[in-house]
């Protein structure tokens, strides 16, 4: 298969991965967490959140892996590693930073202690824990949407 065709497939997979991942973050942030916050029974709220979020977490891991592999391939194909040394490509840094945050949370922090810590906090004070979680999700979603916007605009020459 022609290398350019592989590059185009990698770019398409990259976009699909980002849509899948950030779309899921958007759903969790804007729909799931506020909806669950209205459930009066705190045990049911926590149990349902863990069940639904756990299913998304697995999908997010797949999507962030696809995004990483395709992004790495594109940078390698274009021999564009020097862009990380140039502030003109700040949007590439932002995109990579957002990916890194999610990768650390999904693959390191969540399995090692974050899941257990969240459960303990929610058992102590479910309402407060959901408020903190909601704010953190809104922050991550905002930075993610900004990164997507800037990456698309930057990749199409808006910032140079």
Protein backbone atom coordinates (compact mmCIF):
# COMPACT_ATOMS: atom_id res chain seq x y z
CA UNK A 1 0.00 0.00 0.00
CA UNK A 2 1.23 3.49 -0.87
CA UNK A 3 2.67 5.44 2.10
CA UNK A 4 0.45 8.42 1.35
CA UNK A 5 -2.65 6.20 1.52
CA UNK A 6 -1.47 4.92 4.90
CA UNK A 7 -0.98 8.53 6.01
CA UNK A 8 -4.53 9.44 4.96
CA UNK A 9 -5.89 6.39 6.81
CA UNK A 10 -3.87 7.40 9.89
CA UNK A 11 -5.30 10.92 9.74
CA UNK A 12 -8.85 9.55 9.39
CA UNK A 13 -8.28 7.19 12.34
CA UNK A 14 -6.86 10.11 14.33
CA UNK A 15 -10.00 12.18 13.75
CA UNK A 16 -12.29 9.22 14.53
CA UNK A 17 -10.32 8.56 17.73
CA UNK A 18 -10.59 12.19 18.85
CA UNK A 19 -14.32 12.37 18.04
CA UNK A 20 -14.97 9.11 19.90
CA UNK A 21 -12.89 10.14 22.92
CA UNK A 22 -13.83 13.82 23.33
CA UNK A 23 -17.44 13.10 22.34
CA UNK A 24 -17.56 10.60 25.17
CA UNK A 25 -16.04 13.10 27.58
CA UNK A 26 -18.70 15.58 26.47
CA UNK A 27 -21.49 13.05 27.11
CA UNK A 28 -20.15 12.15 30.55
CA UNK A 29 -19.70 15.83 31.46
CA UNK A 30 -22.86 17.39 30.06
CA UNK A 31 -25.36 14.52 30.28
CA UNK A 32 -24.29 11.69 32.59
CA UNK A 33 -22.94 13.54 35.63
CA UNK A 34 -25.78 16.13 35.81
CA UNK A 35 -28.37 13.37 35.25
CA UNK A 36 -26.91 11.18 37.97
CA UNK A 37 -26.72 14.15 40.35
CA UNK A 38 -30.52 14.21 40.36
CA UNK A 39 -30.78 10.67 41.73
CA UNK A 40 -31.67 10.98 45.41
CA UNK A 41 -30.34 7.59 46.51
CA UNK A 42 -26.59 8.17 46.86
CA UNK A 43 -25.69 4.48 46.69
CA UNK A 44 -27.65 4.03 43.47
CA UNK A 45 -26.06 7.20 42.04
CA UNK A 46 -22.55 5.98 42.80
CA UNK A 47 -23.21 2.45 41.58
CA UNK A 48 -24.75 3.66 38.33
CA UNK A 49 -21.92 6.14 37.73
CA UNK A 50 -19.26 3.48 38.24
CA UNK A 51 -21.08 1.06 35.95
CA UNK A 52 -21.60 3.55 33.11
CA UNK A 53 -18.30 5.38 33.45
CA UNK A 54 -16.45 2.08 33.60
CA UNK A 55 -17.82 1.14 30.19
CA UNK A 56 -16.76 4.51 28.79
CA UNK A 57 -13.32 4.28 30.41
CA UNK A 58 -12.56 1.16 28.39
CA UNK A 59 -13.66 2.88 25.18
CA UNK A 60 -11.67 6.00 26.05
CA UNK A 61 -8.56 3.85 26.46
CA UNK A 62 -9.08 2.41 22.98
CA UNK A 63 -9.75 5.86 21.47
CA UNK A 64 -6.72 7.49 23.13
CA UNK A 65 -4.53 4.60 21.96
CA UNK A 66 -5.78 4.98 18.38
CA UNK A 67 -5.19 8.72 18.63
CA UNK A 68 -1.66 8.24 19.96
CA UNK A 69 -0.61 5.65 17.39
CA UNK A 70 -2.07 7.56 14.45
CA UNK A 71 -0.66 10.87 15.70
CA UNK A 72 2.79 9.36 16.16
CA UNK A 73 2.62 7.87 12.67
CA UNK A 74 1.62 11.21 11.11
CA UNK A 75 4.41 13.14 12.84
CA UNK A 76 6.91 10.47 11.82
CA UNK A 77 5.61 10.33 8.22
CA UNK A 78 5.85 14.12 7.88
CA UNK A 79 9.20 14.15 9.70
CA UNK A 80 7.65 16.90 11.81
CA UNK A 81 9.29 16.29 15.17
CA UNK A 82 11.00 19.71 15.00
CA UNK A 83 7.59 21.32 15.27
CA UNK A 84 7.72 20.52 18.98
CA UNK A 85 10.70 22.87 19.19
CA UNK A 86 8.87 25.72 17.47
CA UNK A 87 6.31 27.84 19.37
CA UNK A 88 4.59 28.56 16.06
CA UNK A 89 3.08 25.09 16.48
CA UNK A 90 1.79 25.75 20.02
CA UNK A 91 -1.49 24.05 19.05
CA UNK A 92 0.44 20.79 18.55
CA UNK A 93 1.80 21.18 22.08
CA UNK A 94 -1.72 21.81 23.42
CA UNK A 95 -3.11 18.78 21.59
CA UNK A 96 -0.31 16.58 22.91
CA UNK A 97 -0.72 18.00 26.43
CA UNK A 98 -4.44 17.16 26.46
CA UNK A 99 -3.71 13.65 25.21
CA UNK A 100 -1.03 13.26 27.90
CA UNK A 101 -3.41 14.33 30.69
CA UNK A 102 -5.99 11.76 29.62
CA UNK A 103 -3.39 9.04 29.06
CA UNK A 104 -1.98 9.56 32.56
CA UNK A 105 -5.45 9.53 34.12
CA UNK A 106 -6.75 6.54 32.14
CA UNK A 107 -3.68 4.31 32.14
CA UNK A 108 -1.87 5.24 35.36
CA UNK A 109 -3.84 7.21 37.95
CA UNK A 110 -7.24 5.54 37.56
CA UNK A 111 -6.02 1.94 37.87
CA UNK A 112 -3.46 2.69 40.59
CA UNK A 113 -5.53 4.77 42.98
CA UNK A 114 -7.99 7.25 41.46
CA UNK A 115 -10.88 4.80 41.16
CA UNK A 116 -10.53 3.68 44.77
CA UNK A 117 -10.00 7.26 46.02
CA UNK A 118 -13.13 8.44 44.18
CA UNK A 119 -15.18 5.63 45.71
CA UNK A 120 -13.95 6.45 49.22
CA UNK A 121 -14.69 10.15 48.76
CA UNK A 122 -18.13 9.43 47.33
CA UNK A 123 -18.98 7.16 50.27
CA UNK A 124 -18.03 9.99 52.68
CA UNK A 125 -19.87 12.78 50.84
CA UNK A 126 -21.46 11.84 47.52
CA UNK A 127 -22.85 15.30 46.77
CA UNK A 128 -19.53 17.08 47.28
CA UNK A 129 -17.63 14.41 45.34
CA UNK A 130 -19.98 14.72 42.37
CA UNK A 131 -19.62 18.53 42.43
CA UNK A 132 -15.82 18.27 42.35
CA UNK A 133 -15.96 15.61 39.65
CA UNK A 134 -18.36 17.73 37.59
CA UNK A 135 -16.05 20.76 37.79
CA UNK A 136 -13.00 18.71 36.83
CA UNK A 137 -14.86 17.19 33.88
CA UNK A 138 -15.96 20.64 32.69
CA UNK A 139 -12.36 21.86 32.91
CA UNK A 140 -11.06 18.84 30.97
CA UNK A 141 -13.83 19.16 28.38
CA UNK A 142 -13.16 22.88 27.91
CA UNK A 143 -9.44 22.38 27.42
CA UNK A 144 -10.14 19.42 25.11
CA UNK A 145 -12.55 21.35 22.89
CA UNK A 146 -10.10 24.26 22.75
CA UNK A 147 -7.32 21.86 21.75
CA UNK A 148 -9.46 20.28 19.02
CA UNK A 149 -10.42 23.69 17.64
CA UNK A 150 -6.85 25.00 17.70
CA UNK A 151 -5.40 21.79 16.26
CA UNK A 152 -7.77 21.80 13.31
CA UNK A 153 -7.25 25.52 12.71
CA UNK A 154 -3.48 25.18 13.14
CA UNK A 155 -3.21 22.15 10.87
CA UNK A 156 -4.96 24.17 8.18
CA UNK A 157 -2.58 27.15 8.49
CA UNK A 158 -4.56 29.60 10.60
CA UNK A 159 -1.71 30.30 13.01
CA UNK A 160 1.15 30.85 10.54
